[in-house]
Amino acid sequence: MEKIWLKRYPEGMPETIDPEHYNSLLELFDNSFKEFGQLPAYSNMGKTMTYQQVDEATKAVASYIQNTLKLGKGDKVAVMMPNLLQTPVTILGVLRAGCTVVNVNPLYTVRELEHQLNDSEAKAIFILANFAHTLEKALPTTGVKHIVVTQIGDMLGGFKKHLVNFVVKKLKKMVPDYTLPNALPFAHAISADPGLYKVPDITLNDLAFLQYTGGTTGVSKGAMLTHGNMVANLEQVSGCLDKVLDKGREVVITALPLYHIFALTANCLTFMKYGGHNILITNPRDMPGFVKELAKYPFTAITGVNTLFNGLLNTPGFADLDFSTLKMSLGGGMAVQRPVAERWQTVTKSKLMEGYGLTECAPLVTICPWDLDGYNGSIGLPAPSTELKVINDSGEEVPLGEPGELCVKGPQVMAGYYNRPDATAECLKDGWFATGDIAIYDEEGFFYIVDRKKDMILVSGFNVFPNEIEEVVAMHDGVLEVAAVGVPHEVSGEQVKVFVVRKDPSLTEKDIIKHCRDELTNYKVPKLVEFRDELPKTNVGKILRRALK
């Protein structure tokens, strides 16, 4: 496919990037620590850490991993925390130790956590105490040898640390009881001797992240993102945003969780490279509290999913904030809706740029150019050094304007799925990653997502795979058959609906939903249940989800 989009690139946007600009993420970190030492790096709950303090803290954590936990290059370390100061400190510390980060959603159920810890072969986990009760139940069947537990206030220092931890545990009762006799306190890690830290021999080919995502099979798989994938994607982001962002002067609002690939790359790593100040929002669902936090900072950038922007627009006080410094609003994870984008631009006087990415692509694939007047319904133009093609079921490229499956090739495409050669071979051929999304493109090279080839359901930017939902529902004794589909929802984009054939005639919608709540993270729990006498099937007996949809 001819790269017709290059003619539409804004002035100064490069056609290609150097995917070997740094020899690993560690070199990028070192550069930022040296260049931006005294500037603020992360703020959360009223406490700010400078780049120099992050350097010292992450070196201590790395030293602890190397010398106390005795973990070495390539060992997998799970991180299960919401957005707290501990989160970037731990993620960077694990990487600096030469280990591989396995990001875990803190809201996972026992079943989900068990699968991820086993599949990733994690040897250690850093976890917030609030979720340790889940780990206690999952632990016996895993190979995890080391547990490091942190409490919410651990990095706030002084009296505030003890006060917050007391309130969270004793007054708000936010830490369910758990028993993990061999667990170690995070305080030990953060106070380890950074002088004992040894810089590991890491190359661009080494694994940086095992980032979990579903697939058409519905089994959560670890996308192997190398240091090379991440370095390349950060250079691609820079190629798209260099004309917008100023080194050492940006303040970015980080409301999406850092365990999600979007916030991990677009916020944590990108703004670190630019010497930006990340404002970590621990609980963005508390919209009034979120707006109060926004009022404290002259923020220049914000990233989020459509539901987050829509939620802010509908929260009293948001429209009264000072947006004079805001120059970049970036939406991704799910489709940005036109009414939301247009209202956002009216209220904030800032364009809501849409990007498209995938866990398997670290994640950036396309982004709307910064010189666009406003929302145009597209996912933008391919990032520098990214090739795209749109193919039919026979694998042939389709003409301009015709829909087909979007395929991506570039230095950001993952090395494959961890320990899953069959699943890797299915979607990665000759360096081309088949996204499962149906797209079209126009004469300028703007791409548009029109549908999903996969049955994947997208709830507020999170992938939900029907097979997993069906497997859980089928575990209920009263269920004979089940099919799960996504149905449109004005707030979350889609929500999960299940069609059930009953074995037990007394089975109710409430029974199904209660059962799912015990086994699934909240966003995966079906919101709608419809009972049927039978489900439509192919002649070989496969349930036709499309027909149900």
Protein backbone atom coordinates (compact mmCIF):
# COMPACT_ATOMS: atom_id res chain seq x y z
CA MET A 1 0.00 0.00 0.00
CA GLU A 2 1.34 3.40 -0.99
CA LYS A 3 1.93 5.64 2.04
CA ILE A 4 -0.54 8.28 0.88
CA TRP A 5 -0.73 9.66 4.44
CA LEU A 6 2.80 11.08 4.29
CA LYS A 7 1.56 14.02 2.18
CA ARG A 8 -0.91 14.91 4.95
CA TYR A 9 1.68 14.80 7.76
CA PRO A 10 1.94 18.17 9.52
CA GLU A 11 5.11 20.17 8.84
CA GLY A 12 8.03 18.76 10.83
CA MET A 13 6.52 15.31 11.43
CA PRO A 14 9.13 12.75 10.35
CA GLU A 15 8.39 9.93 7.92
CA THR A 16 10.53 7.54 9.98
CA ILE A 17 12.06 7.33 13.44
CA ASP A 18 15.22 5.70 14.74
CA PRO A 19 13.98 2.61 16.62
CA GLU A 20 17.43 2.28 18.22
CA HIS A 21 17.63 5.83 19.54
CA TYR A 22 18.28 4.41 23.02
CA ASN A 23 19.94 1.06 23.73
CA SER A 24 17.09 0.26 26.18
CA LEU A 25 14.45 1.98 28.32
CA LEU A 26 17.11 2.20 31.05
CA GLU A 27 19.15 4.66 28.99
CA LEU A 28 16.03 6.79 28.46
CA PHE A 29 15.40 6.81 32.22
CA ASP A 30 19.02 7.78 32.99
CA ASN A 31 18.83 10.67 30.51
CA SER A 32 15.64 12.00 32.11
CA PHE A 33 17.01 11.69 35.66
CA LYS A 34 20.11 13.68 34.65
CA GLU A 35 18.37 16.31 32.54
CA PHE A 36 15.31 16.97 34.72
CA GLY A 37 16.64 16.14 38.22
CA GLN A 38 15.03 18.99 40.16
CA LEU A 39 11.77 19.10 38.22
CA PRO A 40 8.59 17.44 39.55
CA ALA A 41 8.00 13.98 38.09
CA TYR A 42 4.95 12.55 39.90
CA SER A 43 2.32 13.93 42.25
CA ASN A 44 -0.33 12.01 44.15
CA MET A 45 -2.41 12.73 47.26
CA GLY A 46 -0.58 16.01 47.89
CA LYS A 47 2.95 14.57 47.68
CA THR A 48 5.34 15.34 44.80
CA MET A 49 8.51 13.49 43.82
CA THR A 50 11.22 15.09 41.70
CA TYR A 51 13.07 13.20 38.99
CA GLN A 52 16.06 12.94 41.32
CA GLN A 53 13.89 11.40 44.05
CA VAL A 54 12.38 8.96 41.54
CA ASP A 55 15.91 8.04 40.46
CA GLU A 56 16.92 7.25 44.06
CA ALA A 57 13.68 5.42 44.90
CA THR A 58 13.68 3.24 41.76
CA LYS A 59 17.37 2.43 42.25
CA ALA A 60 16.55 1.30 45.82
CA VAL A 61 13.70 -0.92 44.57
CA ALA A 62 15.97 -2.35 41.85
CA SER A 63 18.69 -3.02 44.43
CA TYR A 64 16.14 -4.77 46.68
CA ILE A 65 14.95 -6.98 43.81
CA GLN A 66 18.51 -7.90 42.86
CA ASN A 67 20.04 -8.36 46.31
CA THR A 68 17.24 -9.33 48.70
CA LEU A 69 14.78 -11.12 46.40
CA LYS A 70 17.73 -12.47 44.37
CA LEU A 71 15.89 -12.03 41.07
CA GLY A 72 17.84 -11.68 37.84
CA LYS A 73 17.55 -10.63 34.22
CA GLY A 74 14.29 -11.67 32.62
CA ASP A 75 12.54 -12.83 35.82
CA LYS A 76 8.87 -11.84 35.82
CA VAL A 77 7.61 -9.48 38.52
CA ALA A 78 3.90 -8.71 38.82
CA VAL A 79 2.73 -5.22 39.84
CA MET A 80 -0.85 -4.99 41.15
CA MET A 81 -1.64 -1.40 42.17
CA PRO A 82 -3.85 1.56 41.21
CA ASN A 83 -2.28 4.95 40.44
CA LEU A 84 -0.14 5.75 43.49
CA LEU A 85 3.44 7.05 43.75
CA GLN A 86 4.45 3.44 44.47
CA THR A 87 3.25 2.37 41.01
CA PRO A 88 5.73 4.15 38.70
CA VAL A 89 8.47 3.68 41.32
CA THR A 90 7.87 -0.09 41.29
CA ILE A 91 7.48 -0.39 37.51
CA LEU A 92 10.69 1.56 36.87
CA GLY A 93 12.46 -0.29 39.69
CA VAL A 94 11.59 -3.69 38.20
CA LEU A 95 12.84 -2.58 34.78
CA ARG A 96 16.05 -1.15 36.25
CA ALA A 97 16.66 -4.49 37.98
CA GLY A 98 16.64 -6.11 34.54
CA CYS A 99 13.38 -7.94 35.23
CA THR A 100 10.16 -8.04 33.19
CA VAL A 101 7.07 -6.16 34.44
CA VAL A 102 3.77 -8.06 34.48
CA ASN A 103 1.08 -5.41 34.94
CA VAL A 104 -2.00 -6.72 36.78
CA ASN A 105 -5.42 -5.13 37.09
CA PRO A 106 -5.97 -4.70 40.88
CA LEU A 107 -9.67 -5.47 40.50
CA TYR A 108 -9.06 -8.99 39.20
CA THR A 109 -10.93 -11.85 40.79
CA VAL A 110 -9.09 -14.85 42.24
CA ARG A 111 -9.61 -16.82 39.00
CA GLU A 112 -8.27 -14.02 36.78
CA LEU A 113 -5.26 -13.34 39.02
CA GLU A 114 -4.42 -17.03 39.26
CA HIS A 115 -4.39 -17.36 35.47
CA GLN A 116 -2.16 -14.34 34.92
CA LEU A 117 0.39 -15.23 37.61
CA ASN A 118 0.63 -18.79 36.29
CA ASP A 119 0.69 -17.87 32.62
CA SER A 120 3.40 -15.23 33.11
CA GLU A 121 5.45 -17.48 35.43
CA ALA A 122 5.75 -14.53 37.83
CA LYS A 123 8.27 -15.11 40.63
CA ALA A 124 7.33 -12.04 42.68
CA ILE A 125 4.47 -9.61 43.11
CA PHE A 126 4.27 -6.03 44.43
CA ILE A 127 0.69 -5.51 45.60
CA LEU A 128 -1.45 -2.96 47.41
CA ALA A 129 -2.73 -4.33 50.76
CA ASN A 130 -6.33 -3.54 49.69
CA PHE A 131 -6.13 -6.44 47.19
CA ALA A 132 -3.97 -8.87 49.18
CA HIS A 133 -7.01 -10.98 50.16
CA THR A 134 -7.43 -11.89 46.47
CA LEU A 135 -3.78 -12.89 46.25
CA GLU A 136 -4.08 -15.02 49.39
CA LYS A 137 -6.69 -17.20 47.66
CA ALA A 138 -4.87 -17.34 44.30
CA LEU A 139 -1.37 -17.92 45.70
CA PRO A 140 -1.35 -21.68 46.45
CA THR A 141 -1.58 -22.69 42.80
CA THR A 142 1.03 -20.19 41.53
CA GLY A 143 4.81 -20.13 41.44
CA VAL A 144 5.11 -16.76 43.19
CA LYS A 145 7.98 -16.86 45.71
CA HIS A 146 8.11 -13.25 46.94
CA ILE A 147 5.29 -10.91 47.98
CA VAL A 148 5.89 -7.23 48.69
CA VAL A 149 2.87 -5.43 50.19
CA THR A 150 2.39 -1.68 50.19
CA GLN A 151 -0.28 0.47 51.84
CA ILE A 152 -1.86 3.52 50.22
CA GLY A 153 0.05 6.08 52.29
CA ASP A 154 3.47 4.43 52.19
CA MET A 155 5.17 7.07 50.06
CA LEU A 156 3.53 10.14 51.58
CA GLY A 157 6.15 10.30 54.34
CA GLY A 158 6.05 11.42 57.98
CA PHE A 159 2.83 11.67 59.93
CA LYS A 160 0.67 11.74 56.79
CA LYS A 161 1.78 8.22 55.84
CA HIS A 162 0.59 6.78 59.18
CA LEU A 163 -2.59 8.85 59.21
CA VAL A 164 -3.66 7.79 55.69
CA ASN A 165 -2.85 4.14 56.35
CA PHE A 166 -4.82 4.22 59.63
CA VAL A 167 -7.86 5.90 58.04
CA VAL A 168 -7.88 3.54 55.03
CA LYS A 169 -7.58 0.41 57.15
CA LYS A 170 -9.36 1.15 60.43
CA LEU A 171 -11.93 3.86 59.66
CA LYS A 172 -12.84 3.28 56.02
CA LYS A 173 -12.33 -0.51 56.30
CA MET A 174 -10.87 -0.59 52.78
CA VAL A 175 -8.39 -3.40 53.49
CA PRO A 176 -10.13 -6.79 53.80
CA ASP A 177 -8.43 -9.22 56.20
CA TYR A 178 -5.75 -11.41 54.65
CA THR A 179 -3.03 -13.80 55.79
CA LEU A 180 0.23 -13.78 53.87
CA PRO A 181 2.83 -14.85 56.46
CA ASN A 182 5.86 -14.42 54.19
CA ALA A 183 4.88 -11.03 52.80
CA LEU A 184 7.47 -8.26 53.01
CA PRO A 185 6.68 -4.58 53.58
CA PHE A 186 7.28 -2.13 50.72
CA ALA A 187 9.20 0.03 53.22
CA HIS A 188 12.04 -2.52 53.02
CA ALA A 189 12.25 -2.14 49.25
CA ILE A 190 12.19 1.65 49.25
CA SER A 191 14.88 1.84 51.96
CA ALA A 192 17.26 -0.69 50.36
CA ASP A 193 20.81 0.48 49.63
CA PRO A 194 20.87 2.01 46.11
CA GLY A 195 24.67 1.74 46.23
CA LEU A 196 24.38 -2.05 45.85
CA TYR A 197 22.42 -1.68 42.61
CA LYS A 198 24.14 -3.13 39.55
CA VAL A 199 23.15 -1.90 36.08
CA PRO A 200 22.02 -5.01 34.17
CA ASP A 201 23.12 -5.78 30.63
CA ILE A 202 19.85 -5.05 28.83
CA THR A 203 19.43 -4.77 25.05
CA LEU A 204 16.55 -3.77 22.80
CA ASN A 205 15.74 -7.46 22.33
CA ASP A 206 15.12 -8.06 26.03
CA LEU A 207 11.58 -8.28 27.37
CA ALA A 208 10.34 -5.15 29.18
CA PHE A 209 6.65 -5.93 29.70
CA LEU A 210 4.30 -8.88 29.59
CA GLN A 211 1.15 -6.90 28.93
CA TYR A 212 -1.98 -9.03 29.18
CA THR A 213 -4.76 -8.88 26.63
CA GLY A 214 -7.50 -11.20 25.44
CA GLY A 215 -7.78 -12.80 22.04
CA THR A 216 -10.44 -14.38 19.89
CA THR A 217 -10.02 -17.49 22.05
CA GLY A 218 -10.95 -15.44 25.10
CA VAL A 219 -7.90 -16.61 27.05
CA SER A 220 -5.90 -13.69 28.39
CA LYS A 221 -2.44 -13.74 26.78
CA GLY A 222 0.80 -11.92 27.56
CA ALA A 223 1.91 -9.67 24.70
CA MET A 224 5.73 -9.70 24.78
CA LEU A 225 6.80 -6.06 24.52
CA THR A 226 10.57 -5.71 24.28
CA HIS A 227 12.67 -2.71 25.24
CA GLY A 228 12.95 -2.22 21.47
CA ASN A 229 9.16 -2.12 21.02
CA MET A 230 8.80 0.45 23.80
CA VAL A 231 11.75 2.64 22.70
CA ALA A 232 10.43 2.63 19.12
CA ASN A 233 6.89 3.53 20.19
CA LEU A 234 8.13 6.38 22.39
CA GLU A 235 10.09 7.72 19.40
CA GLN A 236 6.93 7.39 17.27
CA VAL A 237 4.94 9.32 19.89
CA SER A 238 7.64 12.02 19.83
CA GLY A 239 7.45 12.16 16.04
CA CYS A 240 3.71 12.86 16.32
CA LEU A 241 3.82 15.29 19.27
CA ASP A 242 7.22 17.04 19.21
CA LYS A 243 5.62 20.21 17.86
CA VAL A 244 3.07 20.19 20.68
CA LEU A 245 5.09 19.23 23.78
CA ASP A 246 7.86 21.28 25.41
CA LYS A 247 10.56 19.59 27.47
CA GLY A 248 10.36 20.25 31.19
CA ARG A 249 7.15 22.29 30.94
CA GLU A 250 4.30 19.79 30.66
CA VAL A 251 1.79 18.81 33.35
CA VAL A 252 -0.22 15.74 32.37
CA ILE A 253 -3.31 14.37 34.09
CA THR A 254 -3.00 10.59 34.48
CA ALA A 255 -6.43 9.24 35.34
CA LEU A 256 -6.24 6.02 33.38
CA PRO A 257 -4.52 3.24 35.36
CA LEU A 258 -0.81 2.73 34.66
CA TYR A 259 -1.39 -1.02 34.34
CA HIS A 260 -3.23 -0.20 31.07
CA ILE A 261 -0.91 0.08 28.06
CA PHE A 262 -2.39 3.46 27.02
CA ALA A 263 -1.48 5.26 30.27
CA LEU A 264 1.74 3.29 30.64
CA THR A 265 3.15 4.56 27.33
CA ALA A 266 1.26 7.82 26.73
CA ASN A 267 1.61 9.15 30.30
CA CYS A 268 4.19 7.37 32.44
CA LEU A 269 6.90 6.85 29.80
CA THR A 270 6.22 9.60 27.23
CA PHE A 271 6.07 12.41 29.76
CA MET A 272 9.09 11.02 31.56
CA LYS A 273 10.99 11.38 28.31
CA TYR A 274 9.82 15.02 28.05
CA GLY A 275 10.54 15.82 31.69
CA GLY A 276 6.82 16.24 32.31
CA HIS A 277 4.94 16.24 35.58
CA ASN A 278 2.46 13.32 35.94
CA ILE A 279 -0.52 13.99 38.20
CA LEU A 280 -1.64 10.51 39.28
CA ILE A 281 -5.37 10.20 39.91
CA THR A 282 -6.02 7.20 42.16
CA ASN A 283 -9.81 7.08 41.86
CA PRO A 284 -11.14 8.87 38.76
CA ARG A 285 -14.60 7.38 39.37
CA ASP A 286 -14.99 9.97 42.14
CA MET A 287 -15.72 12.70 39.58
CA PRO A 288 -16.26 15.58 42.05
CA GLY A 289 -12.95 14.67 43.74
CA PHE A 290 -11.29 14.40 40.34
CA VAL A 291 -12.47 17.91 39.38
CA LYS A 292 -11.13 19.28 42.71
CA GLU A 293 -7.75 17.72 41.90
CA LEU A 294 -7.75 19.26 38.40
CA ALA A 295 -8.31 22.69 39.95
CA LYS A 296 -4.95 22.44 41.79
CA TYR A 297 -2.72 22.18 38.72
CA PRO A 298 -2.14 24.26 35.56
CA PHE A 299 -2.37 21.09 33.45
CA THR A 300 -1.24 21.16 29.83
CA ALA A 301 -2.29 17.66 28.75
CA ILE A 302 -4.86 15.03 29.62
CA THR A 303 -5.42 11.53 28.28
CA GLY A 304 -8.47 9.35 28.70
CA VAL A 305 -11.21 7.25 27.20
CA ASN A 306 -14.50 8.61 25.88
CA THR A 307 -16.35 7.73 29.12
CA LEU A 308 -13.84 9.71 31.19
CA PHE A 309 -14.17 12.86 29.05
CA ASN A 310 -17.95 12.51 29.01
CA GLY A 311 -18.01 12.03 32.78
CA LEU A 312 -15.95 15.18 33.36
CA LEU A 313 -18.15 17.24 31.03
CA ASN A 314 -21.18 16.19 33.08
CA THR A 315 -19.62 16.92 36.49
CA PRO A 316 -20.54 20.26 38.14
CA GLY A 317 -17.55 22.57 38.39
CA PHE A 318 -15.60 21.10 35.48
CA ALA A 319 -16.64 23.80 33.00
CA ASP A 320 -15.50 26.47 35.50
CA LEU A 321 -11.88 25.24 35.57
CA ASP A 322 -9.05 27.25 34.03
CA PHE A 323 -8.16 25.59 30.71
CA SER A 324 -5.80 28.34 29.52
CA THR A 325 -2.75 26.05 29.75
CA LEU A 326 -4.40 22.96 28.18
CA LYS A 327 -2.97 22.22 24.76
CA MET A 328 -3.40 18.48 24.30
CA SER A 329 -6.34 16.20 25.03
CA LEU A 330 -5.82 12.67 23.76
CA GLY A 331 -8.55 10.04 23.55
CA GLY A 332 -7.97 6.34 22.96
CA GLY A 333 -8.83 2.88 24.21
CA MET A 334 -12.32 3.11 22.68
CA ALA A 335 -13.98 5.26 20.01
CA VAL A 336 -14.33 8.94 20.87
CA GLN A 337 -17.92 9.97 20.15
CA ARG A 338 -18.54 13.09 18.07
CA PRO A 339 -20.89 14.82 20.60
CA VAL A 340 -18.30 14.32 23.37
CA ALA A 341 -15.41 15.57 21.21
CA GLU A 342 -17.32 18.65 20.06
CA ARG A 343 -18.54 19.53 23.54
CA TRP A 344 -15.02 19.01 24.93
CA GLN A 345 -13.63 21.47 22.38
CA THR A 346 -16.37 24.01 23.20
CA VAL A 347 -15.83 23.79 26.98
CA THR A 348 -12.03 23.49 27.15
CA LYS A 349 -11.04 25.29 23.89
CA SER A 350 -8.77 22.26 23.34
CA LYS A 351 -9.17 19.73 20.53
CA LEU A 352 -9.81 16.16 21.59
CA MET A 353 -7.33 14.24 19.43
CA GLU A 354 -8.15 10.60 18.81
CA GLY A 355 -5.54 7.89 18.60
CA TYR A 356 -5.70 4.17 17.88
CA GLY A 357 -3.53 1.52 19.38
CA LEU A 358 -3.34 -2.03 20.62
CA THR A 359 -1.62 -3.74 23.51
CA GLU A 360 0.27 -5.75 20.88
CA CYS A 361 1.64 -2.51 19.38
CA ALA A 362 2.93 -0.87 22.59
CA PRO A 363 0.25 0.70 21.79
CA LEU A 364 0.38 3.62 19.28
CA VAL A 365 -0.54 2.86 15.67
CA THR A 366 -2.33 5.99 14.44
CA ILE A 367 -3.10 9.45 15.80
CA CYS A 368 -4.97 12.51 14.55
CA PRO A 369 -2.43 15.17 13.49
CA TRP A 370 -2.10 18.12 15.83
CA ASP A 371 -2.93 20.61 13.06
CA LEU A 372 -6.46 19.20 12.55
CA ASP A 373 -9.18 21.80 13.21
CA GLY A 374 -11.25 19.43 15.29
CA TYR A 375 -12.91 16.02 15.46
CA ASN A 376 -13.20 14.37 12.03
CA GLY A 377 -14.40 10.89 13.02
CA SER A 378 -11.14 9.21 12.07
CA ILE A 379 -8.48 7.44 14.14
CA GLY A 380 -5.92 9.63 12.37
CA LEU A 381 -2.82 8.96 10.31
CA PRO A 382 -0.27 6.17 10.84
CA ALA A 383 2.59 7.05 13.20
CA PRO A 384 6.09 7.45 11.66
CA SER A 385 7.75 4.16 10.61
CA THR A 386 4.34 2.44 10.66
CA GLU A 387 2.90 0.60 7.68
CA LEU A 388 -0.80 -0.18 7.42
CA LYS A 389 -2.82 -2.20 4.96
CA VAL A 390 -6.46 -3.17 4.71
CA ILE A 391 -7.14 -6.71 3.48
CA ASN A 392 -10.08 -8.95 2.56
CA ASP A 393 -10.67 -12.52 3.76
CA SER A 394 -8.32 -13.83 1.06
CA GLY A 395 -5.47 -11.66 2.34
CA GLU A 396 -5.54 -9.29 -0.65
CA GLU A 397 -5.45 -5.53 -0.20
CA VAL A 398 -8.77 -3.79 -0.80
CA PRO A 399 -9.17 -0.56 -2.80
CA LEU A 400 -9.43 2.86 -1.17
CA GLY A 401 -12.74 3.33 0.65
CA GLU A 402 -13.48 -0.40 0.84
CA PRO A 403 -13.70 -2.06 4.28
CA GLY A 404 -11.28 -4.81 5.30
CA GLU A 405 -9.18 -6.04 8.21
CA LEU A 406 -6.56 -3.55 9.38
CA CYS A 407 -3.00 -4.93 9.53
CA VAL A 408 0.02 -3.18 11.10
CA LYS A 409 3.75 -3.49 10.54
CA GLY A 410 6.40 -1.52 12.41
CA PRO A 411 9.05 -1.59 15.13
CA GLN A 412 6.34 -1.28 17.83
CA VAL A 413 4.71 -4.64 16.95
CA MET A 414 5.18 -7.17 19.77
CA ALA A 415 7.54 -10.14 19.62
CA GLY A 416 4.52 -12.45 20.07
CA TYR A 417 2.35 -13.91 22.83
CA TYR A 418 4.25 -15.45 25.73
CA ASN A 419 4.47 -19.24 25.47
CA ARG A 420 1.73 -19.26 22.82
CA PRO A 421 3.31 -19.93 19.40
CA ASP A 422 -0.02 -20.99 17.85
CA ALA A 423 -1.82 -17.79 18.88
CA THR A 424 1.19 -15.75 17.70
CA ALA A 425 1.26 -17.48 14.28
CA GLU A 426 -2.46 -16.83 13.89
CA CYS A 427 -2.16 -13.03 14.03
CA LEU A 428 1.50 -12.33 13.11
CA LYS A 429 2.55 -13.16 9.56
CA ASP A 430 5.72 -11.80 7.92
CA GLY A 431 5.85 -9.01 10.49
CA TRP A 432 2.24 -7.96 9.82
CA PHE A 433 -0.08 -7.96 12.85
CA ALA A 434 -3.76 -8.62 12.03
CA THR A 435 -5.73 -6.36 14.39
CA GLY A 436 -9.17 -7.94 14.01
CA ASP A 437 -10.59 -4.45 13.41
CA ILE A 438 -12.41 -3.61 10.18
CA ALA A 439 -11.27 -0.27 8.74
CA ILE A 440 -11.44 1.94 5.69
CA TYR A 441 -9.13 4.76 4.63
CA ASP A 442 -9.62 7.88 2.53
CA GLU A 443 -7.58 9.64 -0.13
CA GLU A 444 -5.63 11.65 2.47
CA GLY A 445 -4.62 8.54 4.41
CA PHE A 446 -6.99 8.99 7.35
CA PHE A 447 -8.18 5.66 8.73
CA TYR A 448 -11.63 4.92 10.15
CA ILE A 449 -12.69 1.92 12.25
CA VAL A 450 -16.07 0.67 11.02
CA ASP A 451 -16.46 -2.59 12.94
CA ARG A 452 -14.62 -5.35 14.72
CA LYS A 453 -13.93 -8.65 13.03
CA LYS A 454 -13.39 -10.22 16.42
CA ASP A 455 -16.30 -10.76 18.73
CA MET A 456 -14.44 -8.68 21.31
CA ILE A 457 -16.59 -6.34 23.40
CA LEU A 458 -15.12 -2.95 24.30
CA VAL A 459 -16.33 -1.58 27.65
CA SER A 460 -14.93 1.86 28.51
CA GLY A 461 -11.69 1.08 26.70
CA PHE A 462 -11.21 -2.38 28.24
CA ASN A 463 -11.31 -5.54 26.15
CA VAL A 464 -13.92 -8.09 27.19
CA PHE A 465 -13.85 -11.44 25.43
CA PRO A 466 -17.11 -13.36 25.03
CA ASN A 467 -15.49 -16.77 25.55
CA GLU A 468 -14.42 -15.81 29.07
CA ILE A 469 -17.91 -14.54 29.98
CA GLU A 470 -19.53 -17.63 28.48
CA GLU A 471 -17.17 -19.93 30.36
CA VAL A 472 -18.06 -18.28 33.68
CA VAL A 473 -21.82 -18.26 33.04
CA ALA A 474 -21.65 -21.92 31.94
CA MET A 475 -20.12 -22.78 35.33
CA HIS A 476 -23.57 -22.13 36.89
CA ASP A 477 -25.44 -25.38 37.45
CA GLY A 478 -28.68 -23.91 36.11
CA VAL A 479 -27.26 -22.99 32.67
CA LEU A 480 -27.47 -25.26 29.64
CA GLU A 481 -26.05 -22.93 26.95
CA VAL A 482 -24.86 -19.35 26.82
CA ALA A 483 -23.62 -16.75 24.35
CA ALA A 484 -22.20 -13.31 25.16
CA VAL A 485 -22.25 -10.26 22.88
CA GLY A 486 -21.62 -6.54 23.17
CA VAL A 487 -24.54 -4.16 22.78
CA PRO A 488 -24.23 -0.40 22.29
CA HIS A 489 -24.29 1.77 25.40
CA GLU A 490 -24.19 5.57 25.40
CA VAL A 491 -21.79 5.85 28.34
CA SER A 492 -19.41 2.88 28.13
CA GLY A 493 -19.51 2.37 24.36
CA GLU A 494 -20.67 -1.21 24.79
CA GLN A 495 -21.96 -3.39 27.59
CA VAL A 496 -22.09 -7.15 27.98
CA LYS A 497 -25.32 -9.02 27.25
CA VAL A 498 -25.71 -12.78 27.66
CA PHE A 499 -28.27 -15.05 26.03
CA VAL A 500 -28.96 -18.07 28.22
CA VAL A 501 -30.75 -21.38 27.69
CA ARG A 502 -31.82 -22.62 31.12
CA LYS A 503 -31.33 -26.07 32.56
CA ASP A 504 -33.13 -24.96 35.72
CA PRO A 505 -36.45 -23.19 34.90
CA SER A 506 -36.28 -21.19 38.17
CA LEU A 507 -32.97 -19.52 37.19
CA THR A 508 -33.26 -15.70 37.20
CA GLU A 509 -31.34 -12.75 35.78
CA LYS A 510 -30.23 -11.87 39.33
CA ASP A 511 -28.81 -15.39 39.83
CA ILE A 512 -26.67 -15.06 36.70
CA ILE A 513 -25.37 -11.59 37.57
CA LYS A 514 -24.58 -12.52 41.18
CA HIS A 515 -22.65 -15.61 39.97
CA CYS A 516 -20.67 -13.46 37.50
CA ARG A 517 -19.80 -10.87 40.15
CA ASP A 518 -17.99 -13.59 42.11
CA GLU A 519 -15.85 -14.59 39.13
CA LEU A 520 -15.34 -11.49 36.97
CA THR A 521 -14.03 -7.96 37.28
CA ASN A 522 -16.94 -5.50 37.37
CA TYR A 523 -16.63 -4.19 33.81
CA LYS A 524 -16.90 -7.77 32.48
CA VAL A 525 -20.08 -8.62 34.43
CA PRO A 526 -23.13 -8.89 32.11
CA LYS A 527 -25.54 -6.00 32.52
CA LEU A 528 -28.28 -7.68 30.49
CA VAL A 529 -29.54 -11.27 30.53
CA GLU A 530 -32.02 -12.67 28.03
CA PHE A 531 -33.40 -16.20 28.32
CA ARG A 532 -34.02 -18.19 25.13
CA ASP A 533 -35.36 -21.65 24.36
CA GLU A 534 -32.44 -22.21 21.99
CA LEU A 535 -29.48 -20.34 20.47
CA PRO A 536 -28.79 -19.97 16.74
CA LYS A 537 -25.99 -22.28 15.51
CA THR A 538 -24.01 -23.14 12.41
CA ASN A 539 -24.44 -26.56 10.79
CA VAL A 540 -21.47 -27.77 12.84
CA GLY A 541 -23.10 -26.56 16.05
CA LYS A 542 -21.12 -23.36 16.67
CA ILE A 543 -23.22 -20.65 18.33
CA LEU A 544 -23.75 -17.68 16.02
CA ARG A 545 -22.96 -14.61 18.11
CA ARG A 546 -23.39 -12.40 15.03
CA ALA A 547 -26.97 -13.55 14.59
CA LEU A 548 -27.71 -12.76 18.23
CA LYS A 549 -26.14 -9.34 17.84
